[in-house]
Amino acid sequence: MAFRADADSNALYLTWDVFGLNLQDNPGGGGALQVDLNLDARSYGKRLTRGTTDVIRVAAAAADGDAKVGPLPPWVFGTGYGMFFDEKAVKARLTSRPDGSRRFTMTVPRSYLYLHEWAMGNGNSQVGVNTQFSLWQANEAGTGGSYLPSS
């Protein structure tokens, strides 16, 4: 697995490439994969102090297509945020690559990270990222299974 984060003036782009794994759907309906993402998008001075974020939870089926983004609490991007966010504006998608690998992408609009200075090229203009990428795996008996963290 490989993870990459990029940004431009419009959005933050997060990409996970999955190699050599056959994704399988959770028969209980939870999807083939689940991504938990925390973003600390407070301003520079605030990021140097204590604070909290909340998780963005996304689930995707094994087939290529759009993923389901869970609800976004007002403080999801860090202490000080207080806006109600529409989870439909955060785009997430699973696609197949020509080499057989799978790519999971998320796009977070810049407008949602309004407390961050967004100074491209400035070494102090960081976003804190914590992510857990979990894949569904059935147990040996085929009677159940669990999400196994892979990053």
N, C-alpha and C. Protein backbone atom coordinates (compact mmCIF):
# COMPACT_ATOMS: atom_id res chain seq x y z
N MET A 1 0.84 -1.17 0.00
CA MET A 1 0.00 0.00 0.00
C MET A 1 0.89 1.23 0.00
N ALA A 2 0.44 2.25 -0.71
CA ALA A 2 1.14 3.53 -0.74
C ALA A 2 0.11 4.64 -0.50
N PHE A 3 0.51 5.65 0.24
CA PHE A 3 -0.36 6.79 0.55
C PHE A 3 0.30 8.06 0.07
N ARG A 4 -0.51 8.98 -0.44
CA ARG A 4 0.02 10.26 -0.92
C ARG A 4 -1.02 11.35 -0.62
N ALA A 5 -0.52 12.52 -0.23
CA ALA A 5 -1.38 13.69 -0.01
C ALA A 5 -0.87 14.83 -0.89
N ASP A 6 -1.78 15.48 -1.59
CA ASP A 6 -1.47 16.62 -2.47
C ASP A 6 -2.52 17.69 -2.23
N ALA A 7 -2.19 18.91 -2.65
CA ALA A 7 -3.15 20.01 -2.52
C ALA A 7 -2.93 21.00 -3.65
N ASP A 8 -3.99 21.69 -4.00
CA ASP A 8 -3.89 22.85 -4.88
C ASP A 8 -4.80 23.93 -4.29
N SER A 9 -5.07 24.96 -5.04
CA SER A 9 -5.87 26.07 -4.49
C SER A 9 -7.33 25.69 -4.25
N ASN A 10 -7.76 24.53 -4.75
CA ASN A 10 -9.16 24.13 -4.62
C ASN A 10 -9.44 23.07 -3.57
N ALA A 11 -8.46 22.18 -3.30
CA ALA A 11 -8.78 21.02 -2.47
C ALA A 11 -7.52 20.33 -1.95
N LEU A 12 -7.76 19.45 -0.99
CA LEU A 12 -6.76 18.50 -0.49
C LEU A 12 -7.12 17.16 -1.11
N TYR A 13 -6.13 16.49 -1.71
CA TYR A 13 -6.33 15.23 -2.40
C TYR A 13 -5.54 14.14 -1.67
N LEU A 14 -6.23 13.07 -1.28
CA LEU A 14 -5.60 11.96 -0.58
C LEU A 14 -5.77 10.70 -1.42
N THR A 15 -4.68 9.96 -1.59
CA THR A 15 -4.69 8.79 -2.46
C THR A 15 -4.03 7.61 -1.77
N TRP A 16 -4.72 6.47 -1.78
CA TRP A 16 -4.18 5.21 -1.29
C TRP A 16 -4.14 4.26 -2.47
N ASP A 17 -2.98 3.69 -2.78
CA ASP A 17 -2.85 2.67 -3.81
C ASP A 17 -2.68 1.33 -3.12
N VAL A 18 -3.50 0.35 -3.51
CA VAL A 18 -3.51 -0.98 -2.91
C VAL A 18 -2.99 -1.97 -3.95
N PHE A 19 -1.94 -2.70 -3.60
CA PHE A 19 -1.30 -3.62 -4.53
C PHE A 19 -1.46 -5.06 -4.06
N GLY A 20 -1.75 -5.96 -4.98
CA GLY A 20 -1.73 -7.39 -4.71
C GLY A 20 -2.80 -7.93 -3.79
N LEU A 21 -3.90 -7.24 -3.65
CA LEU A 21 -4.98 -7.72 -2.78
C LEU A 21 -6.28 -7.81 -3.56
N ASN A 22 -7.03 -8.86 -3.29
CA ASN A 22 -8.34 -9.04 -3.89
C ASN A 22 -9.37 -8.54 -2.88
N LEU A 23 -10.02 -7.42 -3.17
CA LEU A 23 -11.00 -6.86 -2.25
C LEU A 23 -12.28 -7.69 -2.28
N GLN A 24 -12.86 -7.90 -1.11
CA GLN A 24 -14.12 -8.63 -1.01
C GLN A 24 -15.08 -7.85 -0.13
N ASP A 25 -16.35 -7.84 -0.51
CA ASP A 25 -17.36 -7.09 0.24
C ASP A 25 -17.71 -7.79 1.54
N ASN A 26 -17.96 -7.00 2.56
CA ASN A 26 -18.48 -7.48 3.83
C ASN A 26 -19.93 -7.90 3.59
N PRO A 27 -20.28 -9.16 3.85
CA PRO A 27 -21.67 -9.58 3.61
C PRO A 27 -22.67 -8.85 4.49
N GLY A 28 -22.22 -8.25 5.57
CA GLY A 28 -23.11 -7.47 6.43
C GLY A 28 -23.39 -6.08 5.91
N GLY A 29 -22.76 -5.72 4.77
CA GLY A 29 -23.05 -4.44 4.13
C GLY A 29 -22.09 -3.32 4.45
N GLY A 30 -21.01 -3.59 5.16
CA GLY A 30 -20.08 -2.53 5.53
C GLY A 30 -19.08 -2.14 4.46
N GLY A 31 -19.08 -2.82 3.32
CA GLY A 31 -18.14 -2.51 2.25
C GLY A 31 -16.89 -3.37 2.33
N ALA A 32 -16.06 -3.27 1.32
CA ALA A 32 -14.81 -4.03 1.26
C ALA A 32 -13.70 -3.33 2.02
N LEU A 33 -13.80 -2.03 2.11
CA LEU A 33 -12.78 -1.29 2.83
C LEU A 33 -13.40 -0.16 3.61
N GLN A 34 -12.70 0.23 4.65
CA GLN A 34 -13.12 1.35 5.49
C GLN A 34 -11.90 2.22 5.75
N VAL A 35 -12.04 3.51 5.57
CA VAL A 35 -10.96 4.46 5.84
C VAL A 35 -11.42 5.39 6.95
N ASP A 36 -10.61 5.48 7.98
CA ASP A 36 -10.81 6.46 9.04
C ASP A 36 -9.71 7.50 8.88
N LEU A 37 -10.12 8.76 8.78
CA LEU A 37 -9.19 9.84 8.51
C LEU A 37 -9.41 10.97 9.52
N ASN A 38 -8.33 11.42 10.13
CA ASN A 38 -8.35 12.63 10.95
C ASN A 38 -7.47 13.67 10.27
N LEU A 39 -7.99 14.88 10.12
CA LEU A 39 -7.24 16.00 9.54
C LEU A 39 -7.19 17.13 10.55
N ASP A 40 -6.00 17.58 10.89
CA ASP A 40 -5.84 18.77 11.73
C ASP A 40 -5.52 19.92 10.79
N ALA A 41 -6.52 20.73 10.50
CA ALA A 41 -6.37 21.82 9.55
C ALA A 41 -6.48 23.18 10.24
N ARG A 42 -6.03 23.22 11.51
CA ARG A 42 -6.01 24.51 12.20
C ARG A 42 -4.88 25.37 11.65
N SER A 43 -4.87 26.64 12.01
CA SER A 43 -3.82 27.55 11.56
C SER A 43 -2.49 27.18 12.22
N TYR A 44 -1.39 27.71 11.68
CA TYR A 44 -0.05 27.36 12.13
C TYR A 44 0.11 27.45 13.64
N GLY A 45 -0.19 28.58 14.24
CA GLY A 45 -0.02 28.75 15.68
C GLY A 45 -0.88 27.80 16.49
N LYS A 46 -2.07 27.51 16.03
CA LYS A 46 -2.97 26.59 16.73
C LYS A 46 -2.50 25.14 16.63
N ARG A 47 -1.90 24.78 15.49
CA ARG A 47 -1.43 23.40 15.32
C ARG A 47 -0.28 23.09 16.26
N LEU A 48 0.37 24.10 16.80
CA LEU A 48 1.48 23.90 17.74
C LEU A 48 0.98 23.68 19.17
N THR A 49 -0.32 23.78 19.37
CA THR A 49 -0.91 23.59 20.71
C THR A 49 -1.80 22.35 20.69
N ARG A 50 -2.27 21.97 21.86
CA ARG A 50 -3.17 20.83 21.96
C ARG A 50 -4.50 21.14 21.30
N GLY A 51 -5.12 20.11 20.80
CA GLY A 51 -6.43 20.25 20.19
C GLY A 51 -6.94 18.88 19.78
N THR A 52 -8.14 18.86 19.29
CA THR A 52 -8.74 17.58 18.88
C THR A 52 -9.30 17.70 17.48
N THR A 53 -9.44 16.55 16.84
CA THR A 53 -10.16 16.43 15.58
C THR A 53 -11.15 15.28 15.75
N ASP A 54 -12.02 15.12 14.80
CA ASP A 54 -12.90 13.97 14.80
C ASP A 54 -12.67 13.19 13.52
N VAL A 55 -13.14 11.97 13.49
CA VAL A 55 -12.86 11.08 12.37
C VAL A 55 -13.83 11.31 11.21
N ILE A 56 -13.28 11.22 10.01
CA ILE A 56 -14.08 11.10 8.79
C ILE A 56 -14.04 9.61 8.45
N ARG A 57 -15.18 8.96 8.42
CA ARG A 57 -15.24 7.52 8.13
C ARG A 57 -15.85 7.33 6.75
N VAL A 58 -15.14 6.58 5.92
CA VAL A 58 -15.57 6.34 4.55
C VAL A 58 -15.56 4.83 4.30
N ALA A 59 -16.59 4.32 3.62
CA ALA A 59 -16.65 2.90 3.28
C ALA A 59 -16.87 2.77 1.78
N ALA A 60 -16.20 1.77 1.19
CA ALA A 60 -16.32 1.53 -0.25
C ALA A 60 -16.55 0.04 -0.50
N ALA A 61 -17.36 -0.26 -1.50
CA ALA A 61 -17.57 -1.63 -1.94
C ALA A 61 -16.36 -2.08 -2.75
N ALA A 62 -16.27 -3.37 -3.03
CA ALA A 62 -15.14 -3.92 -3.78
C ALA A 62 -15.16 -3.48 -5.24
N ALA A 63 -16.34 -3.21 -5.79
CA ALA A 63 -16.45 -2.78 -7.19
C ALA A 63 -16.05 -1.31 -7.32
N ASP A 64 -15.55 -0.95 -8.48
CA ASP A 64 -15.22 0.45 -8.74
C ASP A 64 -16.45 1.33 -8.57
N GLY A 65 -16.25 2.51 -7.99
CA GLY A 65 -17.36 3.44 -7.85
C GLY A 65 -17.18 4.37 -6.67
N ASP A 66 -18.18 5.20 -6.46
CA ASP A 66 -18.17 6.16 -5.37
C ASP A 66 -18.28 5.45 -4.03
N ALA A 67 -17.63 6.03 -3.02
CA ALA A 67 -17.66 5.51 -1.66
C ALA A 67 -18.63 6.34 -0.84
N LYS A 68 -19.03 5.81 0.30
CA LYS A 68 -19.96 6.51 1.20
C LYS A 68 -19.17 7.21 2.30
N VAL A 69 -19.29 8.53 2.34
CA VAL A 69 -18.66 9.35 3.37
C VAL A 69 -19.65 9.54 4.50
N GLY A 70 -19.21 9.24 5.72
CA GLY A 70 -20.08 9.38 6.89
C GLY A 70 -20.26 10.84 7.29
N PRO A 71 -21.11 11.09 8.27
CA PRO A 71 -21.37 12.45 8.75
C PRO A 71 -20.10 13.15 9.23
N LEU A 72 -20.04 14.47 9.03
CA LEU A 72 -18.90 15.28 9.44
C LEU A 72 -19.33 16.21 10.58
N PRO A 73 -18.85 15.96 11.81
CA PRO A 73 -19.20 16.86 12.91
C PRO A 73 -18.59 18.25 12.70
N PRO A 74 -19.13 19.27 13.34
CA PRO A 74 -18.63 20.64 13.14
C PRO A 74 -17.14 20.81 13.44
N TRP A 75 -16.57 20.05 14.35
CA TRP A 75 -15.17 20.20 14.76
C TRP A 75 -14.25 19.19 14.08
N VAL A 76 -14.71 18.55 13.02
CA VAL A 76 -13.98 17.44 12.41
C VAL A 76 -12.55 17.80 12.00
N PHE A 77 -12.29 19.05 11.60
CA PHE A 77 -10.96 19.43 11.13
C PHE A 77 -10.12 20.10 12.21
N GLY A 78 -10.58 20.08 13.44
CA GLY A 78 -9.79 20.58 14.55
C GLY A 78 -10.54 21.55 15.43
N THR A 79 -9.98 21.73 16.62
CA THR A 79 -10.53 22.66 17.59
C THR A 79 -10.64 24.05 16.95
N GLY A 80 -11.78 24.68 17.11
CA GLY A 80 -11.99 26.01 16.55
C GLY A 80 -12.92 26.02 15.36
N TYR A 81 -13.02 24.89 14.67
CA TYR A 81 -13.99 24.80 13.57
C TYR A 81 -15.38 24.68 14.18
N GLY A 82 -16.35 25.29 13.55
CA GLY A 82 -17.70 25.25 14.11
C GLY A 82 -18.76 25.33 13.02
N MET A 83 -18.47 24.78 11.87
CA MET A 83 -19.39 24.85 10.74
C MET A 83 -20.07 23.50 10.56
N PHE A 84 -21.28 23.50 10.05
CA PHE A 84 -21.91 22.24 9.68
C PHE A 84 -21.48 21.91 8.26
N PHE A 85 -20.87 20.75 8.09
CA PHE A 85 -20.31 20.34 6.81
C PHE A 85 -21.22 19.31 6.14
N ASP A 86 -21.41 19.45 4.84
CA ASP A 86 -22.17 18.47 4.07
C ASP A 86 -21.19 17.41 3.58
N GLU A 87 -21.36 16.18 4.07
CA GLU A 87 -20.42 15.11 3.70
C GLU A 87 -20.42 14.82 2.20
N LYS A 88 -21.46 15.24 1.47
CA LYS A 88 -21.50 15.02 0.03
C LYS A 88 -20.45 15.83 -0.71
N ALA A 89 -19.92 16.88 -0.09
CA ALA A 89 -18.88 17.70 -0.73
C ALA A 89 -17.50 17.03 -0.66
N VAL A 90 -17.34 16.06 0.25
CA VAL A 90 -16.10 15.27 0.33
C VAL A 90 -16.29 14.10 -0.61
N LYS A 91 -15.50 14.06 -1.65
CA LYS A 91 -15.63 13.02 -2.67
C LYS A 91 -14.68 11.87 -2.36
N ALA A 92 -15.15 10.64 -2.53
CA ALA A 92 -14.33 9.45 -2.32
C ALA A 92 -14.72 8.43 -3.37
N ARG A 93 -13.70 7.75 -3.92
CA ARG A 93 -13.95 6.83 -5.04
C ARG A 93 -12.89 5.74 -5.07
N LEU A 94 -13.32 4.53 -5.42
CA LEU A 94 -12.42 3.40 -5.63
C LEU A 94 -12.38 3.10 -7.12
N THR A 95 -11.16 2.96 -7.68
CA THR A 95 -10.99 2.66 -9.09
C THR A 95 -9.93 1.58 -9.27
N SER A 96 -10.02 0.91 -10.42
CA SER A 96 -9.01 -0.08 -10.80
C SER A 96 -7.97 0.59 -11.69
N ARG A 97 -6.73 0.18 -11.53
CA ARG A 97 -5.62 0.75 -12.30
C ARG A 97 -5.21 -0.24 -13.39
N PRO A 98 -4.57 0.23 -14.46
CA PRO A 98 -4.16 -0.67 -15.55
C PRO A 98 -3.25 -1.82 -15.10
N ASP A 99 -2.46 -1.60 -14.03
CA ASP A 99 -1.55 -2.64 -13.56
C ASP A 99 -2.24 -3.65 -12.62
N GLY A 100 -3.54 -3.52 -12.43
CA GLY A 100 -4.28 -4.44 -11.56
C GLY A 100 -4.42 -3.96 -10.12
N SER A 101 -3.70 -2.91 -9.76
CA SER A 101 -3.83 -2.37 -8.41
C SER A 101 -5.15 -1.60 -8.31
N ARG A 102 -5.51 -1.23 -7.09
CA ARG A 102 -6.72 -0.46 -6.84
C ARG A 102 -6.33 0.88 -6.24
N ARG A 103 -7.06 1.92 -6.57
CA ARG A 103 -6.79 3.26 -6.05
C ARG A 103 -8.04 3.80 -5.36
N PHE A 104 -7.83 4.23 -4.11
CA PHE A 104 -8.90 4.88 -3.35
C PHE A 104 -8.50 6.33 -3.20
N THR A 105 -9.38 7.25 -3.60
CA THR A 105 -9.08 8.67 -3.53
C THR A 105 -10.15 9.40 -2.73
N MET A 106 -9.71 10.44 -2.03
CA MET A 106 -10.62 11.35 -1.32
C MET A 106 -10.23 12.77 -1.68
N THR A 107 -11.23 13.61 -1.83
CA THR A 107 -11.01 15.03 -2.11
C THR A 107 -11.78 15.83 -1.08
N VAL A 108 -11.06 16.67 -0.33
CA VAL A 108 -11.67 17.54 0.67
C VAL A 108 -11.58 18.97 0.14
N PRO A 109 -12.72 19.65 -0.03
CA PRO A 109 -12.68 21.00 -0.60
C PRO A 109 -11.94 21.99 0.31
N ARG A 110 -11.20 22.87 -0.29
CA ARG A 110 -10.45 23.90 0.42
C ARG A 110 -11.37 24.74 1.31
N SER A 111 -12.58 25.01 0.86
CA SER A 111 -13.52 25.85 1.62
C SER A 111 -13.85 25.23 2.97
N TYR A 112 -13.73 23.91 3.12
CA TYR A 112 -14.02 23.27 4.39
C TYR A 112 -12.87 23.44 5.38
N LEU A 113 -11.69 23.77 4.91
CA LEU A 113 -10.51 23.93 5.76
C LEU A 113 -10.22 25.42 5.95
N TYR A 114 -11.23 26.18 6.27
CA TYR A 114 -11.18 27.64 6.25
C TYR A 114 -10.28 28.26 7.32
N LEU A 115 -9.91 27.55 8.38
CA LEU A 115 -9.01 28.11 9.39
C LEU A 115 -7.53 27.95 9.01
N HIS A 116 -7.27 27.13 8.02
CA HIS A 116 -5.89 26.88 7.59
C HIS A 116 -5.45 27.98 6.64
N GLU A 117 -4.18 28.42 6.76
CA GLU A 117 -3.67 29.52 5.93
C GLU A 117 -3.48 29.16 4.47
N TRP A 118 -3.35 27.90 4.14
CA TRP A 118 -3.27 27.39 2.77
C TRP A 118 -2.21 28.13 1.95
N ALA A 119 -1.04 28.26 2.52
CA ALA A 119 0.07 28.97 1.86
C ALA A 119 0.95 27.95 1.13
N MET A 120 0.63 27.71 -0.13
CA MET A 120 1.36 26.72 -0.93
C MET A 120 2.85 27.05 -0.98
N GLY A 121 3.67 26.05 -0.75
CA GLY A 121 5.12 26.24 -0.81
C GLY A 121 5.74 26.71 0.49
N ASN A 122 4.93 27.06 1.49
CA ASN A 122 5.43 27.50 2.79
C ASN A 122 5.57 26.28 3.69
N GLY A 123 6.75 26.04 4.20
CA GLY A 123 7.01 24.87 5.04
C GLY A 123 6.20 24.83 6.33
N ASN A 124 5.66 25.97 6.75
CA ASN A 124 4.84 25.99 7.97
C ASN A 124 3.35 25.80 7.67
N SER A 125 3.01 25.58 6.44
CA SER A 125 1.61 25.44 6.05
C SER A 125 1.27 23.96 5.91
N GLN A 126 1.33 23.25 7.05
CA GLN A 126 1.07 21.82 7.04
C GLN A 126 -0.36 21.51 7.47
N VAL A 127 -0.77 20.33 7.11
CA VAL A 127 -2.03 19.76 7.59
C VAL A 127 -1.66 18.46 8.28
N GLY A 128 -2.15 18.25 9.49
CA GLY A 128 -1.90 16.99 10.18
C GLY A 128 -2.81 15.90 9.63
N VAL A 129 -2.23 14.75 9.29
CA VAL A 129 -2.99 13.66 8.71
C VAL A 129 -2.75 12.38 9.52
N ASN A 130 -3.83 11.74 9.94
CA ASN A 130 -3.76 10.43 10.57
C ASN A 130 -4.81 9.57 9.87
N THR A 131 -4.38 8.43 9.36
CA THR A 131 -5.31 7.61 8.61
C THR A 131 -5.16 6.14 8.97
N GLN A 132 -6.28 5.45 8.95
CA GLN A 132 -6.29 4.00 9.10
C GLN A 132 -7.10 3.43 7.95
N PHE A 133 -6.49 2.57 7.18
CA PHE A 133 -7.11 1.96 6.01
C PHE A 133 -7.33 0.50 6.37
N SER A 134 -8.58 0.07 6.44
CA SER A 134 -8.91 -1.30 6.86
C SER A 134 -9.62 -2.04 5.74
N LEU A 135 -9.24 -3.31 5.57
CA LEU A 135 -9.84 -4.15 4.54
C LEU A 135 -10.66 -5.26 5.19
N TRP A 136 -11.82 -5.59 4.58
CA TRP A 136 -12.64 -6.68 5.08
C TRP A 136 -11.98 -8.00 4.71
N GLN A 137 -11.91 -8.91 5.68
CA GLN A 137 -11.41 -10.25 5.42
C GLN A 137 -12.29 -11.24 6.15
N ALA A 138 -12.82 -12.22 5.41
CA ALA A 138 -13.66 -13.25 6.00
C ALA A 138 -12.79 -14.19 6.82
N ASN A 139 -13.40 -14.80 7.85
CA ASN A 139 -12.65 -15.79 8.63
C ASN A 139 -12.56 -17.09 7.84
N GLU A 140 -11.77 -18.02 8.32
CA GLU A 140 -11.52 -19.27 7.59
C GLU A 140 -12.79 -20.10 7.40
N ALA A 141 -13.71 -20.03 8.34
CA ALA A 141 -14.94 -20.82 8.25
C ALA A 141 -15.96 -20.17 7.32
N GLY A 142 -15.71 -18.91 6.95
CA GLY A 142 -16.65 -18.20 6.09
C GLY A 142 -17.91 -17.76 6.80
N THR A 143 -17.91 -17.79 8.13
CA THR A 143 -19.10 -17.43 8.90
C THR A 143 -19.06 -16.01 9.43
N GLY A 144 -18.03 -15.30 9.16
CA GLY A 144 -17.88 -13.92 9.65
C GLY A 144 -16.54 -13.40 9.22
N GLY A 145 -16.13 -12.34 9.84
CA GLY A 145 -14.85 -11.76 9.50
C GLY A 145 -14.69 -10.44 10.22
N SER A 146 -13.69 -9.67 9.80
CA SER A 146 -13.45 -8.38 10.43
C SER A 146 -12.66 -7.48 9.49
N TYR A 147 -12.60 -6.22 9.86
CA TYR A 147 -11.77 -5.27 9.13
C TYR A 147 -10.37 -5.33 9.71
N LEU A 148 -9.40 -5.57 8.87
CA LEU A 148 -8.01 -5.67 9.32
C LEU A 148 -7.28 -4.41 8.91
N PRO A 149 -6.76 -3.65 9.89
CA PRO A 149 -6.04 -2.42 9.56
C PRO A 149 -4.78 -2.75 8.75
N SER A 150 -4.53 -1.95 7.74
CA SER A 150 -3.35 -2.17 6.93
C SER A 150 -2.44 -0.95 6.86
N SER A 151 -2.82 0.16 7.46
CA SER A 151 -1.93 1.31 7.52
C SER A 151 -2.27 2.17 8.72
